[in-house]
Amino acid sequence: LNVQRVCVVPGDADLDDSVPGAVARAAAQQVRFLLQDAKVLAVSGGELMALTAQEIAVAVPMDVSVVPGQCCMPGSMRMQANAVAEAFAEKLGGQSRMLYLPEGIPASAAEGFAYVPQIRETLELIRAADVLFYGIDRAMDAAQRRSTGAAEREALLRSGAQAEAMGLYFGAKGAA
């Protein structure tokens, strides 16, 4: 993955409900460091990213554009990537952009929407992101939230899927 920096937080989120908050605080402490030379930050949605946005300390405003790193998913509005991007931008003193596309839209339809200036400009910013901040979820939790059919969920279980990030599923040995 060519990861240059890793921050480890002790605990087991399966056993201790305080671990996600600790992860969010640790991530929030790293945001400004990661954005030192960045102009565009893309963020995913989800509970951990929403918690991270809440934990960011308000300080000197940054010249950064914050964009959603994924389309809209079913679920709570506060956990949507658009809402998380706006929350990050508010805390960082930057600007946010919205992406007006639902997750799961067919590629042919998405291509048509890419001609709409607001959508095209946001997609261009996402592609140009200097930093991508995203959460990793449990595979079956993500599949349920995405209203994945029973046959697909069964296939994920058979393949050993344990985690999900940005719509991709992974097992202990990589892509599931």
Protein backbone atom coordinates (compact mmCIF):
# COMPACT_ATOMS: atom_id res chain seq x y z
CA LEU A 1 0.00 0.00 0.00
CA ASN A 2 3.02 2.29 0.22
CA VAL A 3 1.80 3.65 3.57
CA GLN A 4 4.19 6.20 5.00
CA ARG A 5 2.57 6.78 8.38
CA VAL A 6 0.52 4.51 10.64
CA CYS A 7 -1.14 5.38 13.94
CA VAL A 8 -2.17 2.44 16.14
CA VAL A 9 -4.80 2.79 18.87
CA PRO A 10 -5.01 0.10 21.57
CA GLY A 11 -8.21 -1.82 22.14
CA ASP A 12 -10.70 -4.09 20.46
CA ALA A 13 -13.73 -2.36 18.95
CA ASP A 14 -15.66 -5.66 19.10
CA LEU A 15 -15.31 -5.67 22.90
CA ASP A 16 -15.00 -2.00 23.87
CA ASP A 17 -17.40 0.71 22.65
CA SER A 18 -14.88 3.44 23.49
CA VAL A 19 -12.38 2.31 20.84
CA PRO A 20 -14.04 4.07 17.85
CA GLY A 21 -13.92 7.37 19.76
CA ALA A 22 -10.23 6.81 20.52
CA VAL A 23 -9.55 6.04 16.85
CA ALA A 24 -11.44 9.20 15.82
CA ARG A 25 -9.44 11.35 18.26
CA ALA A 26 -6.13 9.90 17.04
CA ALA A 27 -7.14 10.43 13.40
CA ALA A 28 -8.31 13.99 14.08
CA GLN A 29 -4.92 14.78 15.65
CA GLN A 30 -3.21 13.75 12.39
CA VAL A 31 -5.42 15.65 9.92
CA ARG A 32 -3.57 18.98 9.89
CA PHE A 33 -0.18 17.23 9.70
CA LEU A 34 -1.34 15.20 6.70
CA LEU A 35 -2.67 18.32 4.97
CA GLN A 36 0.48 20.47 5.31
CA ASP A 37 1.10 20.63 1.56
CA ALA A 38 -2.31 19.43 0.40
CA LYS A 39 -4.95 21.43 -1.44
CA VAL A 40 -7.66 18.76 -1.76
CA LEU A 41 -8.85 16.29 0.88
CA ALA A 42 -11.32 13.54 -0.02
CA VAL A 43 -13.20 11.87 2.83
CA SER A 44 -15.43 8.82 2.92
CA GLY A 45 -18.63 8.64 4.87
CA GLY A 46 -19.45 6.47 7.84
CA GLU A 47 -19.66 6.70 11.59
CA LEU A 48 -15.91 6.78 12.21
CA MET A 49 -15.36 9.59 9.71
CA ALA A 50 -18.25 11.58 11.23
CA LEU A 51 -16.72 11.08 14.69
CA THR A 52 -13.31 12.15 13.36
CA ALA A 53 -14.77 15.38 11.98
CA GLN A 54 -16.25 16.16 15.41
CA GLU A 55 -12.85 15.64 17.05
CA ILE A 56 -10.87 18.01 14.79
CA ALA A 57 -9.63 21.00 16.76
CA VAL A 58 -10.57 24.38 15.34
CA ALA A 59 -7.37 26.28 14.62
CA VAL A 60 -5.89 28.51 11.92
CA PRO A 61 -8.01 28.13 8.77
CA MET A 62 -6.45 26.04 6.02
CA ASP A 63 -6.60 26.63 2.28
CA VAL A 64 -8.07 23.22 1.53
CA SER A 65 -11.02 21.94 -0.46
CA VAL A 66 -12.78 18.97 1.13
CA VAL A 67 -14.75 16.66 -1.16
CA PRO A 68 -16.69 13.45 -0.59
CA GLY A 69 -14.65 10.44 -1.63
CA GLN A 70 -17.73 8.38 -2.44
CA CYS A 71 -21.33 8.72 -3.58
CA CYS A 72 -24.34 8.90 -1.28
CA MET A 73 -25.30 5.69 0.51
CA PRO A 74 -28.46 4.70 2.33
CA GLY A 75 -28.42 5.61 6.00
CA SER A 76 -28.06 8.52 8.35
CA MET A 77 -27.46 11.90 6.71
CA ARG A 78 -24.80 12.85 9.26
CA MET A 79 -22.70 9.88 8.12
CA GLN A 80 -22.97 10.61 4.37
CA ALA A 81 -19.68 11.53 2.70
CA ASN A 82 -21.17 14.89 1.68
CA ALA A 83 -22.03 15.74 5.31
CA VAL A 84 -18.67 14.47 6.57
CA ALA A 85 -16.83 16.56 3.94
CA GLU A 86 -18.76 19.64 5.05
CA ALA A 87 -17.98 18.94 8.73
CA PHE A 88 -14.25 18.50 7.97
CA ALA A 89 -14.22 21.75 5.96
CA GLU A 90 -15.93 23.68 8.77
CA LYS A 91 -13.39 22.50 11.34
CA LEU A 92 -10.41 23.08 9.02
CA GLY A 93 -11.64 26.45 7.79
CA GLY A 94 -11.66 25.24 4.19
CA GLN A 95 -14.34 24.86 1.55
CA SER A 96 -16.43 21.79 0.83
CA ARG A 97 -18.01 20.51 -2.35
CA MET A 98 -20.97 18.16 -2.67
CA LEU A 99 -21.32 15.13 -4.93
CA TYR A 100 -24.91 14.70 -6.09
CA LEU A 101 -24.85 11.02 -7.07
CA PRO A 102 -26.27 7.98 -5.29
CA GLU A 103 -24.06 4.95 -4.74
CA GLY A 104 -24.78 2.07 -7.09
CA ILE A 105 -25.78 4.26 -10.02
CA PRO A 106 -24.96 2.44 -13.29
CA ALA A 107 -21.76 3.65 -14.97
CA SER A 108 -23.70 4.67 -18.08
CA ALA A 109 -25.93 6.96 -16.02
CA ALA A 110 -23.00 8.36 -14.06
CA GLU A 111 -21.24 9.27 -17.31
CA GLY A 112 -24.26 11.32 -18.31
CA PHE A 113 -24.27 13.17 -15.00
CA ALA A 114 -20.57 13.97 -15.42
CA TYR A 115 -21.59 16.59 -17.99
CA VAL A 116 -23.35 18.61 -15.28
CA PRO A 117 -20.78 21.29 -14.29
CA GLN A 118 -21.25 20.94 -10.50
CA ILE A 119 -20.80 17.17 -10.68
CA ARG A 120 -17.93 17.28 -13.18
CA GLU A 121 -16.01 19.85 -11.10
CA THR A 122 -16.44 17.81 -7.92
CA LEU A 123 -15.35 14.60 -9.69
CA GLU A 124 -12.25 16.40 -10.98
CA LEU A 125 -11.41 17.53 -7.44
CA ILE A 126 -11.88 13.99 -6.12
CA ARG A 127 -9.49 12.64 -8.78
CA ALA A 128 -6.97 15.36 -7.85
CA ALA A 129 -7.15 14.70 -4.09
CA ASP A 130 -3.83 14.95 -2.31
CA VAL A 131 -5.13 13.03 0.72
CA LEU A 132 -7.86 10.41 1.00
CA PHE A 133 -9.26 9.88 4.50
CA TYR A 134 -11.47 6.80 4.72
CA GLY A 135 -12.86 4.38 7.23
CA ILE A 136 -12.79 0.60 7.16
CA ASP A 137 -15.99 -1.19 8.13
CA ARG A 138 -16.94 -4.77 8.92
CA ALA A 139 -17.86 -6.50 5.67
CA MET A 140 -21.30 -7.76 6.69
CA ASP A 141 -22.26 -4.45 8.36
CA ALA A 142 -21.39 -2.61 5.15
CA ALA A 143 -23.22 -5.16 2.99
CA GLN A 144 -26.34 -4.79 5.12
CA ARG A 145 -26.16 -0.97 5.00
CA ARG A 146 -25.83 -1.15 1.21
CA SER A 147 -28.90 -3.42 1.04
CA THR A 148 -26.80 -6.12 -0.59
CA GLY A 149 -28.89 -9.13 -1.62
CA ALA A 150 -28.75 -12.42 0.26
CA ALA A 151 -26.90 -14.22 -2.56
CA GLU A 152 -24.21 -11.53 -2.68
CA ARG A 153 -23.84 -11.55 1.12
CA GLU A 154 -23.45 -15.33 1.02
CA ALA A 155 -20.77 -14.98 -1.68
CA LEU A 156 -18.94 -12.45 0.50
CA LEU A 157 -19.01 -14.87 3.43
CA ARG A 158 -17.73 -17.74 1.25
CA SER A 159 -14.90 -15.56 -0.06
CA GLY A 160 -13.81 -14.73 3.49
CA ALA A 161 -14.71 -11.03 3.36
CA GLN A 162 -13.96 -9.42 6.70
CA ALA A 163 -13.69 -5.71 5.92
CA GLU A 164 -15.02 -3.11 3.51
CA ALA A 165 -13.60 0.22 2.38
CA MET A 166 -15.12 2.48 -0.29
CA GLY A 167 -17.33 -0.33 -1.60
CA LEU A 168 -14.52 -2.90 -1.91
CA TYR A 169 -14.46 -6.02 0.26
CA PHE A 170 -11.34 -7.63 1.73
CA GLY A 171 -10.40 -10.81 3.54
CA ALA A 172 -7.29 -11.74 5.48
CA LYS A 173 -5.37 -12.25 2.23
CA GLY A 174 -6.58 -9.19 0.31
CA ALA A 175 -9.50 -8.59 -2.03
CA ALA A 176 -12.46 -10.87 -1.35
